Every structure is written in structure tokens, then in C-alpha cells.
Amino acid sequence: MDYTERLRRLSVYDAELTDDLTRVDADVASGTLDQKSLELARLAALVAVGGAASTFGAQADAAISAGGSPTEIVDTIIGLVPVIGLPRVVDAAPHLAMALGFDTDDMFEPE
């Protein structure tokens, strides 16, 4: 199924297609988007919608497992600032830092 057919079916909320999309990675399955890009996009979406803190760990792990680096992950969320605004990215940053094994609270403790 090409992208125009998928868009058409999404636009009319084709239940069969939406069920399929919850089971597979649509673009990865069609071979047009690599797994790393998909996981970084999912991380960006998580930040954009203000995802729960507990979800950042799993998504960061998925991005790393797919070949993403911590630098690429941080660059991805920084790239969101013009689209979703600085406050949303700032809110997500400590959750993402913890997911990557970095405690931002340590920065503010006296040495």
C-alpha cells in the first residue's frame, strides 16, 4: 500500500488500517523510514504531546537500541523548539536526561 492510500485510509479513520498501525511500524514495514529515524520521531512526538515522565526511558532506550546516540536525541528535542516552543522542551529535558542516565539535579548541588 503506498503512502497516498495510507493517508486516505487514515483520513477516513479506516478501522482496519488503524488496527494494523498499532501492531506494526507502518513506515518501517514499507521500507521507507529506518528504525532510528522512527524512534527519534516518536521521541519528538512524546515531547510535543507532553508525555508522562515514565515514558521517556522506554523511548530513549528504543532510540539508542535503533542506533541513535544521546547527542542525536538531544539534537532532536532542540530541533522542536521552533515548532512546539521552548517551555515544552524545557519541561521534557529533565525527564529525558534521567532516561539517558544524567541527573540534572546534580548540576545544582555544591561541589
N, C-alpha and C. Protein backbone atom coordinates (compact mmCIF):
# COMPACT_ATOMS: atom_id res chain seq x y z
N MET A 1 0.85 -1.17 0.00
CA MET A 1 0.00 0.00 0.00
C MET A 1 0.90 1.24 0.00
N ASP A 2 0.70 2.14 -0.93
CA ASP A 2 1.54 3.34 -1.00
C ASP A 2 1.07 4.39 0.00
N TYR A 3 1.85 5.45 0.14
CA TYR A 3 1.58 6.45 1.17
C TYR A 3 0.25 7.17 0.94
N THR A 4 -0.13 7.37 -0.33
CA THR A 4 -1.39 8.08 -0.58
C THR A 4 -2.59 7.26 -0.11
N GLU A 5 -2.51 5.95 -0.30
CA GLU A 5 -3.60 5.08 0.17
C GLU A 5 -3.64 5.06 1.69
N ARG A 6 -2.48 5.02 2.33
CA ARG A 6 -2.46 5.06 3.80
C ARG A 6 -3.03 6.37 4.32
N LEU A 7 -2.66 7.49 3.68
CA LEU A 7 -3.21 8.79 4.09
C LEU A 7 -4.72 8.84 3.91
N ARG A 8 -5.20 8.32 2.76
CA ARG A 8 -6.64 8.29 2.52
C ARG A 8 -7.34 7.50 3.60
N ARG A 9 -6.80 6.33 3.92
CA ARG A 9 -7.44 5.46 4.91
C ARG A 9 -7.36 6.07 6.32
N LEU A 10 -6.27 6.76 6.62
CA LEU A 10 -6.20 7.45 7.91
C LEU A 10 -7.21 8.59 7.97
N SER A 11 -7.35 9.32 6.86
CA SER A 11 -8.25 10.47 6.81
C SER A 11 -9.70 10.10 7.06
N VAL A 12 -10.08 8.92 6.66
CA VAL A 12 -11.46 8.48 6.87
C VAL A 12 -11.58 7.55 8.08
N TYR A 13 -10.50 7.46 8.85
CA TYR A 13 -10.44 6.61 10.04
C TYR A 13 -10.87 5.18 9.71
N ASP A 14 -10.14 4.60 8.77
CA ASP A 14 -10.36 3.20 8.41
C ASP A 14 -9.91 2.34 9.58
N ALA A 15 -10.86 1.72 10.26
CA ALA A 15 -10.56 0.95 11.48
C ALA A 15 -9.56 -0.16 11.22
N GLU A 16 -9.65 -0.79 10.07
CA GLU A 16 -8.71 -1.88 9.76
C GLU A 16 -7.28 -1.36 9.68
N LEU A 17 -7.10 -0.22 9.03
CA LEU A 17 -5.76 0.36 8.93
C LEU A 17 -5.26 0.79 10.30
N THR A 18 -6.09 1.45 11.07
CA THR A 18 -5.62 1.92 12.38
C THR A 18 -5.30 0.74 13.29
N ASP A 19 -6.02 -0.36 13.17
CA ASP A 19 -5.66 -1.57 13.92
C ASP A 19 -4.30 -2.08 13.48
N ASP A 20 -4.05 -2.07 12.17
CA ASP A 20 -2.76 -2.52 11.65
C ASP A 20 -1.63 -1.64 12.15
N LEU A 21 -1.88 -0.34 12.23
CA LEU A 21 -0.84 0.60 12.64
C LEU A 21 -0.45 0.43 14.10
N THR A 22 -1.33 -0.07 14.89
CA THR A 22 -0.98 -0.29 16.30
C THR A 22 -0.15 -1.56 16.47
N ARG A 23 -0.12 -2.39 15.45
CA ARG A 23 0.63 -3.64 15.53
C ARG A 23 1.98 -3.58 14.84
N VAL A 24 2.15 -2.72 13.87
CA VAL A 24 3.41 -2.65 13.13
C VAL A 24 3.84 -1.21 12.97
N ASP A 25 5.10 -1.04 12.68
CA ASP A 25 5.63 0.28 12.37
C ASP A 25 5.40 0.52 10.88
N ALA A 26 4.39 1.29 10.56
CA ALA A 26 3.93 1.42 9.18
C ALA A 26 5.03 1.79 8.20
N ASP A 27 5.77 2.86 8.47
CA ASP A 27 6.78 3.28 7.50
C ASP A 27 7.98 2.33 7.48
N VAL A 28 8.33 1.77 8.61
CA VAL A 28 9.42 0.81 8.63
C VAL A 28 9.01 -0.43 7.85
N ALA A 29 7.77 -0.86 8.03
CA ALA A 29 7.28 -2.04 7.32
C ALA A 29 7.30 -1.82 5.81
N SER A 30 7.04 -0.59 5.37
CA SER A 30 7.04 -0.33 3.94
C SER A 30 8.45 -0.04 3.42
N GLY A 31 9.41 0.05 4.32
CA GLY A 31 10.80 0.20 3.91
C GLY A 31 11.24 1.61 3.61
N THR A 32 10.45 2.62 3.96
CA THR A 32 10.81 3.99 3.59
C THR A 32 11.43 4.79 4.73
N LEU A 33 11.36 4.28 5.95
CA LEU A 33 11.90 5.00 7.09
C LEU A 33 12.68 4.01 7.95
N ASP A 34 13.92 4.35 8.25
CA ASP A 34 14.72 3.44 9.07
C ASP A 34 14.27 3.51 10.52
N GLN A 35 14.60 2.47 11.28
CA GLN A 35 14.13 2.34 12.66
C GLN A 35 14.63 3.49 13.54
N LYS A 36 15.88 3.92 13.36
CA LYS A 36 16.40 5.03 14.17
C LYS A 36 15.59 6.30 13.95
N SER A 37 15.31 6.62 12.70
CA SER A 37 14.52 7.81 12.41
C SER A 37 13.13 7.72 13.02
N LEU A 38 12.53 6.54 12.94
CA LEU A 38 11.21 6.35 13.52
C LEU A 38 11.24 6.54 15.04
N GLU A 39 12.25 5.99 15.71
CA GLU A 39 12.33 6.12 17.17
C GLU A 39 12.59 7.56 17.58
N LEU A 40 13.41 8.29 16.82
CA LEU A 40 13.63 9.70 17.11
C LEU A 40 12.36 10.51 16.88
N ALA A 41 11.61 10.16 15.84
CA ALA A 41 10.33 10.85 15.60
C ALA A 41 9.34 10.57 16.72
N ARG A 42 9.33 9.34 17.20
CA ARG A 42 8.45 9.01 18.31
C ARG A 42 8.85 9.77 19.57
N LEU A 43 10.14 9.91 19.79
CA LEU A 43 10.60 10.69 20.93
C LEU A 43 10.17 12.14 20.79
N ALA A 44 10.30 12.69 19.59
CA ALA A 44 9.86 14.07 19.35
C ALA A 44 8.37 14.21 19.61
N ALA A 45 7.59 13.23 19.18
CA ALA A 45 6.15 13.28 19.43
C ALA A 45 5.84 13.21 20.92
N LEU A 46 6.60 12.40 21.63
CA LEU A 46 6.42 12.28 23.08
C LEU A 46 6.65 13.63 23.75
N VAL A 47 7.69 14.32 23.35
CA VAL A 47 7.97 15.64 23.90
C VAL A 47 6.86 16.61 23.50
N ALA A 48 6.45 16.58 22.25
CA ALA A 48 5.44 17.52 21.75
C ALA A 48 4.11 17.39 22.47
N VAL A 49 3.74 16.16 22.83
CA VAL A 49 2.44 15.99 23.49
C VAL A 49 2.55 16.06 25.00
N GLY A 50 3.75 16.29 25.51
CA GLY A 50 3.93 16.37 26.95
C GLY A 50 3.77 15.02 27.62
N GLY A 51 4.43 14.02 27.06
CA GLY A 51 4.32 12.66 27.57
C GLY A 51 4.70 12.53 29.03
N ALA A 52 4.20 11.49 29.65
CA ALA A 52 4.49 11.23 31.06
C ALA A 52 5.97 10.93 31.25
N ALA A 53 6.50 11.37 32.38
CA ALA A 53 7.93 11.18 32.67
C ALA A 53 8.34 9.72 32.53
N SER A 54 7.46 8.83 32.94
CA SER A 54 7.80 7.41 32.92
C SER A 54 7.96 6.84 31.51
N THR A 55 7.49 7.55 30.50
CA THR A 55 7.58 7.03 29.14
C THR A 55 8.88 7.39 28.44
N PHE A 56 9.61 8.35 28.97
CA PHE A 56 10.83 8.79 28.31
C PHE A 56 11.91 7.71 28.31
N GLY A 57 12.01 6.95 29.38
CA GLY A 57 13.03 5.91 29.47
C GLY A 57 12.91 4.88 28.37
N ALA A 58 11.70 4.37 28.19
CA ALA A 58 11.49 3.34 27.17
C ALA A 58 11.76 3.89 25.78
N GLN A 59 11.32 5.12 25.52
CA GLN A 59 11.51 5.67 24.18
C GLN A 59 12.98 6.03 23.93
N ALA A 60 13.66 6.53 24.94
CA ALA A 60 15.09 6.80 24.78
C ALA A 60 15.84 5.49 24.54
N ASP A 61 15.48 4.46 25.28
CA ASP A 61 16.10 3.14 25.08
C ASP A 61 15.86 2.64 23.66
N ALA A 62 14.64 2.82 23.16
CA ALA A 62 14.32 2.37 21.81
C ALA A 62 15.16 3.13 20.78
N ALA A 63 15.35 4.43 20.99
CA ALA A 63 16.16 5.22 20.06
C ALA A 63 17.62 4.78 20.10
N ILE A 64 18.14 4.55 21.29
CA ILE A 64 19.53 4.08 21.42
C ILE A 64 19.69 2.70 20.79
N SER A 65 18.75 1.82 21.07
CA SER A 65 18.81 0.46 20.52
C SER A 65 18.75 0.46 18.99
N ALA A 66 18.10 1.46 18.43
CA ALA A 66 17.99 1.57 16.98
C ALA A 66 19.19 2.26 16.35
N GLY A 67 20.19 2.61 17.18
CA GLY A 67 21.40 3.22 16.65
C GLY A 67 21.53 4.71 16.89
N GLY A 68 20.58 5.30 17.59
CA GLY A 68 20.66 6.72 17.90
C GLY A 68 21.66 6.96 19.02
N SER A 69 22.23 8.13 19.03
CA SER A 69 23.17 8.50 20.09
C SER A 69 22.50 9.50 21.01
N PRO A 70 23.01 9.64 22.24
CA PRO A 70 22.47 10.69 23.11
C PRO A 70 22.52 12.08 22.46
N THR A 71 23.56 12.36 21.72
CA THR A 71 23.66 13.65 21.03
C THR A 71 22.53 13.81 20.02
N GLU A 72 22.23 12.76 19.26
CA GLU A 72 21.13 12.85 18.29
C GLU A 72 19.79 13.03 19.00
N ILE A 73 19.64 12.39 20.13
CA ILE A 73 18.40 12.52 20.89
C ILE A 73 18.23 13.96 21.37
N VAL A 74 19.28 14.53 21.94
CA VAL A 74 19.20 15.92 22.42
C VAL A 74 19.00 16.88 21.24
N ASP A 75 19.71 16.64 20.15
CA ASP A 75 19.53 17.50 18.96
C ASP A 75 18.10 17.42 18.44
N THR A 76 17.50 16.24 18.54
CA THR A 76 16.11 16.08 18.09
C THR A 76 15.17 16.96 18.90
N ILE A 77 15.32 16.95 20.21
CA ILE A 77 14.39 17.77 21.00
C ILE A 77 14.70 19.26 20.88
N ILE A 78 15.96 19.62 20.71
CA ILE A 78 16.30 21.03 20.48
C ILE A 78 15.68 21.51 19.18
N GLY A 79 15.65 20.64 18.18
CA GLY A 79 15.04 20.98 16.90
C GLY A 79 13.54 21.23 16.98
N LEU A 80 12.94 20.82 18.08
CA LEU A 80 11.50 21.03 18.27
C LEU A 80 11.15 22.43 18.74
N VAL A 81 12.10 23.16 19.29
CA VAL A 81 11.81 24.45 19.90
C VAL A 81 11.02 25.39 18.99
N PRO A 82 11.41 25.56 17.72
CA PRO A 82 10.64 26.49 16.89
C PRO A 82 9.21 26.02 16.60
N VAL A 83 8.97 24.73 16.75
CA VAL A 83 7.66 24.19 16.42
C VAL A 83 6.74 24.12 17.64
N ILE A 84 7.25 23.60 18.76
CA ILE A 84 6.38 23.40 19.93
C ILE A 84 6.66 24.37 21.06
N GLY A 85 7.76 25.13 20.94
CA GLY A 85 8.08 26.13 21.94
C GLY A 85 9.08 25.64 22.98
N LEU A 86 9.82 26.60 23.49
CA LEU A 86 10.85 26.31 24.49
C LEU A 86 10.29 25.73 25.78
N PRO A 87 9.17 26.23 26.30
CA PRO A 87 8.68 25.68 27.58
C PRO A 87 8.42 24.18 27.54
N ARG A 88 7.87 23.67 26.46
CA ARG A 88 7.58 22.24 26.36
C ARG A 88 8.88 21.44 26.33
N VAL A 89 9.88 21.94 25.63
CA VAL A 89 11.17 21.24 25.55
C VAL A 89 11.88 21.30 26.90
N VAL A 90 11.83 22.46 27.56
CA VAL A 90 12.45 22.60 28.88
C VAL A 90 11.79 21.64 29.88
N ASP A 91 10.48 21.51 29.79
CA ASP A 91 9.76 20.60 30.67
C ASP A 91 10.20 19.15 30.45
N ALA A 92 10.46 18.78 29.22
CA ALA A 92 10.84 17.40 28.90
C ALA A 92 12.31 17.11 29.19
N ALA A 93 13.16 18.11 29.18
CA ALA A 93 14.61 17.90 29.29
C ALA A 93 15.03 17.11 30.53
N PRO A 94 14.55 17.41 31.72
CA PRO A 94 14.98 16.61 32.88
C PRO A 94 14.54 15.15 32.80
N HIS A 95 13.37 14.89 32.23
CA HIS A 95 12.90 13.52 32.08
C HIS A 95 13.78 12.76 31.09
N LEU A 96 14.13 13.43 30.02
CA LEU A 96 15.00 12.82 29.03
C LEU A 96 16.40 12.62 29.59
N ALA A 97 16.88 13.60 30.34
CA ALA A 97 18.20 13.47 30.97
C ALA A 97 18.25 12.23 31.87
N MET A 98 17.23 12.05 32.69
CA MET A 98 17.17 10.87 33.56
C MET A 98 17.14 9.59 32.73
N ALA A 99 16.40 9.61 31.63
CA ALA A 99 16.32 8.44 30.76
C ALA A 99 17.67 8.09 30.16
N LEU A 100 18.51 9.11 29.99
CA LEU A 100 19.84 8.89 29.43
C LEU A 100 20.90 8.69 30.52
N GLY A 101 20.45 8.64 31.78
CA GLY A 101 21.37 8.38 32.88
C GLY A 101 22.07 9.60 33.44
N PHE A 102 21.49 10.77 33.22
CA PHE A 102 22.09 12.01 33.69
C PHE A 102 21.10 12.71 34.60
N ASP A 103 21.47 12.91 35.84
CA ASP A 103 20.59 13.57 36.81
C ASP A 103 20.88 15.07 36.81
N THR A 104 19.94 15.85 36.29
CA THR A 104 20.15 17.30 36.19
C THR A 104 20.21 17.95 37.58
N ASP A 105 19.65 17.33 38.60
CA ASP A 105 19.72 17.89 39.96
C ASP A 105 21.16 17.96 40.46
N ASP A 106 22.01 17.06 39.98
CA ASP A 106 23.43 17.05 40.38
C ASP A 106 24.13 18.33 39.95
N MET A 107 23.64 18.98 38.93
CA MET A 107 24.27 20.21 38.45
C MET A 107 24.15 21.34 39.46
N PHE A 108 23.13 21.28 40.30
CA PHE A 108 22.83 22.38 41.19
C PHE A 108 23.31 22.15 42.61
N GLU A 109 23.94 21.02 42.85
CA GLU A 109 24.47 20.73 44.20
C GLU A 109 25.87 21.33 44.34
N PRO A 110 26.18 21.86 45.52
CA PRO A 110 27.52 22.42 45.71
C PRO A 110 28.58 21.32 45.62
N GLU A 111 29.72 21.70 45.09
CA GLU A 111 30.80 20.72 44.94
C GLU A 111 31.63 20.62 46.17
